[in-house]
């Protein structure tokens, strides 16, 4: 089994790594990349309202790999199954969140109505006439 040894040369300030199995020198500085990988033509695809990655959707990824002569459907591939499960999870999450939003809207309406009713009851108890109506009194003149 080859061992990994780090050797620093006096003529070079950066350390270099040597692997015995490959028998070559690899500069550590070359392993760091400063640019982000992008797909070819991604700016054009974004400008034309397409996905940045051309393999994300389309006939090559959405259609089956083969068909039978009798016309029966081909079994879905593993990536198609993953895509289907991912879309199903998105749909379930959307249904869950819309249900929570509907519940929150109904609760807000109910609480606003209860608050108005409570204020109406308080005002109804507070506002009483200070004089006695003569027509309603039992004393006859």
Protein backbone atom coordinates (compact mmCIF):
# COMPACT_ATOMS: atom_id res chain seq x y z
CA UNK A 1 0.00 0.00 0.00
CA UNK A 2 1.39 3.34 -0.97
CA UNK A 3 1.73 6.06 1.61
CA UNK A 4 1.03 9.71 1.17
CA UNK A 5 4.05 11.86 1.90
CA UNK A 6 4.28 15.63 1.94
CA UNK A 7 7.60 17.06 0.86
CA UNK A 8 8.57 20.73 0.85
CA UNK A 9 11.28 21.83 -1.50
CA UNK A 10 13.61 24.66 -0.67
CA UNK A 11 13.27 26.08 -4.20
CA UNK A 12 9.47 26.09 -4.06
CA UNK A 13 7.42 27.58 -1.22
CA UNK A 14 4.26 25.51 -1.83
CA UNK A 15 4.11 21.99 -0.50
CA UNK A 16 3.64 19.17 -2.98
CA UNK A 17 2.06 15.77 -2.46
CA UNK A 18 3.41 12.49 -3.76
CA UNK A 19 1.41 9.27 -4.07
CA UNK A 20 3.38 6.09 -4.48
CA UNK A 21 0.68 4.26 -6.45
CA UNK A 22 0.57 6.88 -9.20
CA UNK A 23 4.24 7.88 -8.91
CA UNK A 24 3.64 11.47 -9.87
CA UNK A 25 3.82 14.86 -8.24
CA UNK A 26 0.60 16.83 -7.87
CA UNK A 27 0.65 20.48 -6.91
CA UNK A 28 -1.95 21.19 -4.21
CA UNK A 29 -2.63 24.67 -5.53
CA UNK A 30 -4.05 23.23 -8.78
CA UNK A 31 -6.92 21.53 -6.92
CA UNK A 32 -8.62 24.83 -6.07
CA UNK A 33 -10.99 26.28 -8.67
CA UNK A 34 -12.18 29.86 -8.56
CA UNK A 35 -14.87 29.69 -11.27
CA UNK A 36 -18.33 28.23 -10.94
CA UNK A 37 -19.28 25.51 -13.43
CA UNK A 38 -22.10 26.55 -15.75
CA UNK A 39 -23.88 24.89 -18.62
CA UNK A 40 -23.12 26.05 -22.13
CA UNK A 41 -25.64 28.63 -23.29
CA UNK A 42 -27.32 29.03 -19.90
CA UNK A 43 -27.56 32.82 -20.29
CA UNK A 44 -29.31 32.41 -23.64
CA UNK A 45 -31.65 29.79 -22.18
CA UNK A 46 -32.57 32.09 -19.27
CA UNK A 47 -33.17 34.98 -21.66
CA UNK A 48 -35.57 32.79 -23.67
CA UNK A 49 -37.47 31.56 -20.55
CA UNK A 50 -35.95 28.07 -20.61
CA UNK A 51 -34.30 26.11 -17.82
CA UNK A 52 -30.59 26.88 -17.32
CA UNK A 53 -29.75 23.19 -17.66
CA UNK A 54 -30.82 21.71 -20.98
CA UNK A 55 -31.02 18.20 -19.52
CA UNK A 56 -33.53 19.16 -16.82
CA UNK A 57 -36.55 18.64 -19.05
CA UNK A 58 -37.36 17.87 -22.66
CA UNK A 59 -37.99 14.88 -24.88
CA UNK A 60 -34.73 13.16 -23.95
CA UNK A 61 -35.61 13.12 -20.27
CA UNK A 62 -39.42 13.00 -20.38
CA UNK A 63 -40.10 10.37 -23.06
CA UNK A 64 -39.43 6.65 -22.50
CA UNK A 65 -36.17 5.12 -23.66
CA UNK A 66 -37.87 2.51 -25.85
CA UNK A 67 -41.29 1.19 -26.89
CA UNK A 68 -42.65 -2.28 -27.45
CA UNK A 69 -43.94 -3.35 -30.87
CA UNK A 70 -47.36 -4.22 -29.48
CA UNK A 71 -47.78 -0.66 -28.15
CA UNK A 72 -47.67 -1.47 -24.45
CA UNK A 73 -45.93 1.18 -22.34
CA UNK A 74 -42.30 0.75 -21.36
CA UNK A 75 -41.43 0.61 -17.66
CA UNK A 76 -40.22 3.94 -16.30
CA UNK A 77 -36.51 4.37 -15.76
CA UNK A 78 -35.00 5.04 -12.33
CA UNK A 79 -34.56 8.77 -13.00
CA UNK A 80 -38.16 9.06 -14.16
CA UNK A 81 -39.31 7.36 -10.95
CA UNK A 82 -37.21 9.79 -8.88
CA UNK A 83 -38.67 12.73 -10.81
CA UNK A 84 -42.20 11.39 -10.28
CA UNK A 85 -41.65 10.96 -6.53
CA UNK A 86 -40.13 14.44 -6.29
CA UNK A 87 -43.13 15.97 -8.08
CA UNK A 88 -45.52 14.00 -5.86
CA UNK A 89 -43.75 15.32 -2.75
CA UNK A 90 -44.02 18.87 -4.12
CA UNK A 91 -47.74 18.39 -4.78
CA UNK A 92 -48.36 16.99 -1.28
CA UNK A 93 -46.46 19.92 0.26
CA UNK A 94 -48.46 22.42 -1.82
CA UNK A 95 -51.75 20.83 -0.73
CA UNK A 96 -50.62 20.88 2.91
CA UNK A 97 -49.57 24.53 2.79
CA UNK A 98 -52.74 25.68 0.99
CA UNK A 99 -54.78 23.88 3.66
CA UNK A 100 -52.85 25.73 6.36
CA UNK A 101 -53.42 29.05 4.59
CA UNK A 102 -57.16 28.35 4.28
CA UNK A 103 -57.33 27.45 7.97
CA UNK A 104 -55.46 30.65 8.91
CA UNK A 105 -57.81 32.81 6.80
CA UNK A 106 -60.91 31.20 8.34
CA UNK A 107 -59.48 31.58 11.85
CA UNK A 108 -58.67 35.25 11.22
CA UNK A 109 -62.21 35.90 9.98
CA UNK A 110 -63.70 34.05 12.97
CA UNK A 111 -61.55 35.96 15.47
CA UNK A 112 -62.43 39.30 13.84
CA UNK A 113 -66.14 38.44 14.03
CA UNK A 114 -65.85 37.38 17.69
CA UNK A 115 -64.01 40.61 18.49
CA UNK A 116 -66.74 42.71 16.85
CA UNK A 117 -69.45 40.81 18.73
CA UNK A 118 -67.60 41.27 22.03
CA UNK A 119 -67.25 45.01 21.43
CA UNK A 120 -70.96 45.23 20.52
CA UNK A 121 -71.94 43.46 23.78
CA UNK A 122 -69.70 45.77 25.83
CA UNK A 123 -71.21 48.85 24.18
CA UNK A 124 -74.74 47.49 24.63
CA UNK A 125 -74.15 46.99 28.37
CA UNK A 126 -72.55 50.41 28.80
CA UNK A 127 -75.09 52.49 26.89
CA UNK A 128 -78.24 52.70 29.00
CA UNK A 129 -80.67 55.61 29.13
CA UNK A 130 -80.31 57.79 32.24
CA UNK A 131 -83.92 58.99 32.28
CA UNK A 132 -86.99 56.93 32.82
CA UNK A 133 -89.46 56.90 29.99
CA UNK A 134 -92.83 58.10 31.23
CA UNK A 135 -94.80 55.92 28.87
CA UNK A 136 -93.13 52.77 30.15
CA UNK A 137 -93.41 53.56 33.83
CA UNK A 138 -96.22 51.99 35.89
CA UNK A 139 -97.14 55.19 37.61
CA UNK A 140 -100.28 56.72 36.14
CA UNK A 141 -100.98 60.43 36.26
